[in-house]
N, C-alpha and C. Protein backbone atom coordinates (compact mmCIF):
# COMPACT_ATOMS: atom_id res chain seq x y z
N MET A 1 0.81 -1.18 0.00
CA MET A 1 0.00 0.00 0.00
C MET A 1 0.86 1.26 0.00
N ALA A 2 1.91 1.27 0.84
CA ALA A 2 2.79 2.43 0.93
C ALA A 2 3.55 2.63 -0.37
N ALA A 3 3.95 1.52 -1.00
CA ALA A 3 4.68 1.62 -2.27
C ALA A 3 3.78 2.21 -3.34
N SER A 4 2.53 1.83 -3.32
CA SER A 4 1.57 2.36 -4.29
C SER A 4 1.36 3.85 -4.08
N LEU A 5 1.26 4.26 -2.81
CA LEU A 5 1.09 5.68 -2.49
C LEU A 5 2.32 6.48 -2.90
N ASN A 6 3.51 5.92 -2.65
CA ASN A 6 4.76 6.59 -3.07
C ASN A 6 4.81 6.73 -4.59
N SER A 7 4.38 5.69 -5.27
CA SER A 7 4.38 5.71 -6.73
C SER A 7 3.42 6.77 -7.25
N GLU A 8 2.23 6.87 -6.66
CA GLU A 8 1.27 7.89 -7.07
C GLU A 8 1.80 9.30 -6.80
N ASN A 9 2.43 9.47 -5.65
CA ASN A 9 3.03 10.78 -5.33
C ASN A 9 4.14 11.14 -6.31
N ALA A 10 4.93 10.14 -6.68
CA ALA A 10 6.02 10.38 -7.63
C ALA A 10 5.46 10.77 -8.99
N VAL A 11 4.41 10.08 -9.42
CA VAL A 11 3.80 10.40 -10.71
C VAL A 11 3.17 11.79 -10.67
N ALA A 12 2.49 12.11 -9.57
CA ALA A 12 1.89 13.44 -9.44
C ALA A 12 2.96 14.52 -9.42
N GLY A 13 4.07 14.26 -8.74
CA GLY A 13 5.18 15.22 -8.70
C GLY A 13 5.80 15.42 -10.07
N MET A 14 5.97 14.32 -10.81
CA MET A 14 6.54 14.43 -12.16
C MET A 14 5.58 15.17 -13.09
N THR A 15 4.27 14.92 -12.93
CA THR A 15 3.28 15.63 -13.74
C THR A 15 3.34 17.12 -13.47
N LYS A 16 3.42 17.48 -12.20
CA LYS A 16 3.51 18.89 -11.82
C LYS A 16 4.79 19.51 -12.38
N LEU A 17 5.89 18.78 -12.27
CA LEU A 17 7.17 19.26 -12.78
C LEU A 17 7.11 19.47 -14.30
N LEU A 18 6.51 18.51 -15.01
CA LEU A 18 6.40 18.65 -16.47
C LEU A 18 5.52 19.83 -16.86
N ARG A 19 4.45 20.08 -16.09
CA ARG A 19 3.61 21.26 -16.35
C ARG A 19 4.40 22.54 -16.15
N GLU A 20 5.19 22.61 -15.09
CA GLU A 20 6.02 23.80 -14.83
C GLU A 20 7.04 24.00 -15.94
N ILE A 21 7.66 22.92 -16.37
CA ILE A 21 8.64 23.01 -17.46
C ILE A 21 7.97 23.52 -18.73
N ASP A 22 6.78 22.98 -19.03
CA ASP A 22 6.04 23.42 -20.22
C ASP A 22 5.66 24.90 -20.11
N HIS A 23 5.22 25.31 -18.92
CA HIS A 23 4.84 26.70 -18.69
C HIS A 23 6.03 27.63 -18.90
N HIS A 24 7.17 27.28 -18.32
CA HIS A 24 8.36 28.12 -18.47
C HIS A 24 8.89 28.08 -19.90
N SER A 25 8.74 26.93 -20.54
CA SER A 25 9.18 26.81 -21.92
C SER A 25 8.37 27.73 -22.83
N SER A 26 7.05 27.78 -22.61
CA SER A 26 6.22 28.66 -23.44
C SER A 26 6.52 30.13 -23.15
N LYS A 27 6.80 30.46 -21.88
CA LYS A 27 7.19 31.83 -21.55
C LYS A 27 8.51 32.19 -22.21
N LEU A 28 9.45 31.26 -22.20
CA LEU A 28 10.75 31.49 -22.82
C LEU A 28 10.60 31.68 -24.32
N LYS A 29 9.71 30.90 -24.94
CA LYS A 29 9.48 31.04 -26.38
C LYS A 29 8.90 32.41 -26.69
N ALA A 30 7.92 32.85 -25.90
CA ALA A 30 7.32 34.17 -26.11
C ALA A 30 8.36 35.27 -25.91
N LEU A 31 9.21 35.11 -24.91
CA LEU A 31 10.26 36.09 -24.65
C LEU A 31 11.26 36.14 -25.80
N THR A 32 11.60 34.98 -26.34
CA THR A 32 12.52 34.92 -27.47
C THR A 32 11.94 35.63 -28.69
N ILE A 33 10.65 35.44 -28.93
CA ILE A 33 9.99 36.12 -30.06
C ILE A 33 10.01 37.63 -29.85
N THR A 34 9.72 38.07 -28.62
CA THR A 34 9.71 39.50 -28.31
C THR A 34 11.10 40.11 -28.51
N VAL A 35 12.12 39.41 -28.03
CA VAL A 35 13.49 39.91 -28.19
C VAL A 35 13.87 39.98 -29.67
N SER A 36 13.46 39.00 -30.44
CA SER A 36 13.75 39.02 -31.88
C SER A 36 13.08 40.20 -32.56
N LEU A 37 11.82 40.47 -32.20
CA LEU A 37 11.13 41.63 -32.78
C LEU A 37 11.81 42.93 -32.39
N LEU A 38 12.20 43.05 -31.13
CA LEU A 38 12.88 44.27 -30.69
C LEU A 38 14.22 44.44 -31.39
N GLU A 39 14.92 43.33 -31.59
CA GLU A 39 16.20 43.39 -32.30
C GLU A 39 16.00 43.87 -33.73
N GLU A 40 14.96 43.37 -34.38
CA GLU A 40 14.67 43.79 -35.76
C GLU A 40 14.32 45.27 -35.81
N GLN A 41 13.50 45.73 -34.87
CA GLN A 41 13.14 47.15 -34.83
C GLN A 41 14.37 48.02 -34.59
N GLN A 42 15.24 47.58 -33.69
CA GLN A 42 16.44 48.35 -33.39
C GLN A 42 17.35 48.41 -34.62
N THR A 43 17.46 47.30 -35.33
CA THR A 43 18.29 47.28 -36.53
C THR A 43 17.74 48.26 -37.57
N GLN A 44 16.42 48.28 -37.73
CA GLN A 44 15.81 49.22 -38.68
C GLN A 44 16.04 50.66 -38.25
N GLN A 45 15.94 50.92 -36.95
CA GLN A 45 16.16 52.29 -36.46
C GLN A 45 17.61 52.70 -36.66
N ILE A 46 18.54 51.78 -36.47
CA ILE A 46 19.96 52.10 -36.68
C ILE A 46 20.21 52.43 -38.14
N VAL A 47 19.62 51.64 -39.04
CA VAL A 47 19.80 51.89 -40.47
C VAL A 47 19.23 53.26 -40.83
N GLN A 48 18.03 53.57 -40.31
CA GLN A 48 17.42 54.87 -40.60
C GLN A 48 18.26 56.01 -40.02
N SER A 49 18.76 55.83 -38.80
CA SER A 49 19.57 56.87 -38.18
C SER A 49 20.86 57.10 -38.96
N LYS A 50 21.47 56.03 -39.42
CA LYS A 50 22.69 56.18 -40.21
C LYS A 50 22.41 56.90 -41.52
N ALA A 51 21.27 56.60 -42.14
CA ALA A 51 20.91 57.27 -43.39
C ALA A 51 20.69 58.76 -43.16
N VAL A 52 19.98 59.10 -42.08
CA VAL A 52 19.73 60.51 -41.76
C VAL A 52 21.05 61.22 -41.46
N LEU A 53 21.91 60.57 -40.69
CA LEU A 53 23.21 61.16 -40.36
C LEU A 53 24.04 61.38 -41.62
N GLN A 54 24.01 60.42 -42.54
CA GLN A 54 24.75 60.57 -43.79
C GLN A 54 24.22 61.74 -44.60
N GLN A 55 22.88 61.90 -44.64
CA GLN A 55 22.30 63.04 -45.36
C GLN A 55 22.71 64.36 -44.73
N ILE A 56 22.72 64.40 -43.41
CA ILE A 56 23.11 65.63 -42.71
C ILE A 56 24.57 65.95 -42.99
N LEU A 57 25.42 64.92 -42.95
CA LEU A 57 26.84 65.16 -43.21
C LEU A 57 27.07 65.64 -44.64
N GLU A 58 26.33 65.06 -45.59
CA GLU A 58 26.48 65.50 -46.97
C GLU A 58 25.94 66.91 -47.17
N ALA A 59 24.88 67.25 -46.46
CA ALA A 59 24.28 68.58 -46.62
C ALA A 59 25.09 69.66 -45.93
N SER A 60 25.88 69.29 -44.94
CA SER A 60 26.60 70.30 -44.17
C SER A 60 28.07 70.42 -44.59
N ARG A 61 28.35 70.13 -45.83
CA ARG A 61 29.71 70.35 -46.32
C ARG A 61 30.02 71.83 -46.20
N PHE A 62 31.27 72.15 -45.90
CA PHE A 62 31.65 73.53 -45.66
C PHE A 62 31.59 74.31 -46.96
N SER A 63 30.85 75.40 -46.94
CA SER A 63 30.63 76.20 -48.14
C SER A 63 31.68 77.32 -48.22
N PRO A 64 32.27 77.54 -49.40
CA PRO A 64 33.23 78.64 -49.56
C PRO A 64 32.55 80.00 -49.42
N ARG A 65 31.23 80.05 -49.64
CA ARG A 65 30.52 81.31 -49.47
C ARG A 65 30.60 81.80 -48.03
N LEU A 66 30.58 80.87 -47.10
CA LEU A 66 30.66 81.25 -45.69
C LEU A 66 31.99 81.95 -45.41
N ILE A 67 33.06 81.45 -45.97
CA ILE A 67 34.37 82.09 -45.80
C ILE A 67 34.35 83.49 -46.43
N ALA A 68 33.77 83.60 -47.62
CA ALA A 68 33.71 84.89 -48.31
C ALA A 68 32.91 85.91 -47.50
N PHE A 69 31.77 85.50 -46.96
CA PHE A 69 30.97 86.42 -46.14
C PHE A 69 31.72 86.82 -44.87
N GLY A 70 32.44 85.87 -44.29
CA GLY A 70 33.23 86.18 -43.09
C GLY A 70 34.32 87.19 -43.39
N LEU A 71 35.02 86.99 -44.51
CA LEU A 71 36.07 87.94 -44.89
C LEU A 71 35.48 89.30 -45.25
N LEU A 72 34.32 89.31 -45.88
CA LEU A 72 33.67 90.57 -46.22
C LEU A 72 33.28 91.34 -44.96
N ALA A 73 32.74 90.63 -43.98
CA ALA A 73 32.38 91.28 -42.72
C ALA A 73 33.63 91.80 -42.01
N PHE A 74 34.70 91.02 -42.04
CA PHE A 74 35.96 91.45 -41.43
C PHE A 74 36.49 92.70 -42.12
N PHE A 75 36.45 92.71 -43.44
CA PHE A 75 36.91 93.87 -44.21
C PHE A 75 36.05 95.10 -43.90
N ALA A 76 34.73 94.92 -43.86
CA ALA A 76 33.84 96.05 -43.57
C ALA A 76 34.10 96.58 -42.17
N GLY A 77 34.29 95.69 -41.22
CA GLY A 77 34.60 96.13 -39.85
C GLY A 77 35.92 96.86 -39.79
N GLY A 78 36.91 96.37 -40.52
CA GLY A 78 38.21 97.04 -40.57
C GLY A 78 38.11 98.40 -41.22
N ALA A 79 37.32 98.51 -42.28
CA ALA A 79 37.15 99.80 -42.96
C ALA A 79 36.47 100.81 -42.05
N VAL A 80 35.46 100.36 -41.31
CA VAL A 80 34.77 101.26 -40.38
C VAL A 80 35.73 101.69 -39.28
N LEU A 81 36.48 100.75 -38.73
CA LEU A 81 37.43 101.08 -37.67
C LEU A 81 38.52 102.01 -38.20
N GLY A 82 39.02 101.72 -39.40
CA GLY A 82 40.04 102.58 -40.00
C GLY A 82 39.51 103.99 -40.24
N GLY A 83 38.29 104.10 -40.73
CA GLY A 83 37.68 105.41 -40.95
C GLY A 83 37.49 106.16 -39.64
N PHE A 84 37.15 105.44 -38.58
CA PHE A 84 36.97 106.07 -37.28
C PHE A 84 38.30 106.60 -36.74
N ILE A 85 39.36 105.79 -36.93
CA ILE A 85 40.68 106.20 -36.44
C ILE A 85 41.18 107.42 -37.23
N VAL A 86 41.00 107.41 -38.54
CA VAL A 86 41.48 108.51 -39.38
C VAL A 86 40.74 109.80 -39.07
N SER A 87 39.46 109.71 -38.78
CA SER A 87 38.70 110.94 -38.53
C SER A 87 38.98 111.35 -37.12
């Protein structure tokens, strides 16, 4: 009788253990799918960010006009200062 009871308890324990393993396995599978989706989204965001950065870098090439305007302003300031000193 005791051996039969021990056997039933062992089977019930194994059944419970297998249910827990199945439960955790399904949670792990769902977590793996979620991580894969997040990884894909992050990869797409990185590609988009790199493309935007490349466009910004190409658009912000240093313009020679900026140097010309800077020199013109410097010359105008010098002319005004020179005129002030002379007068």
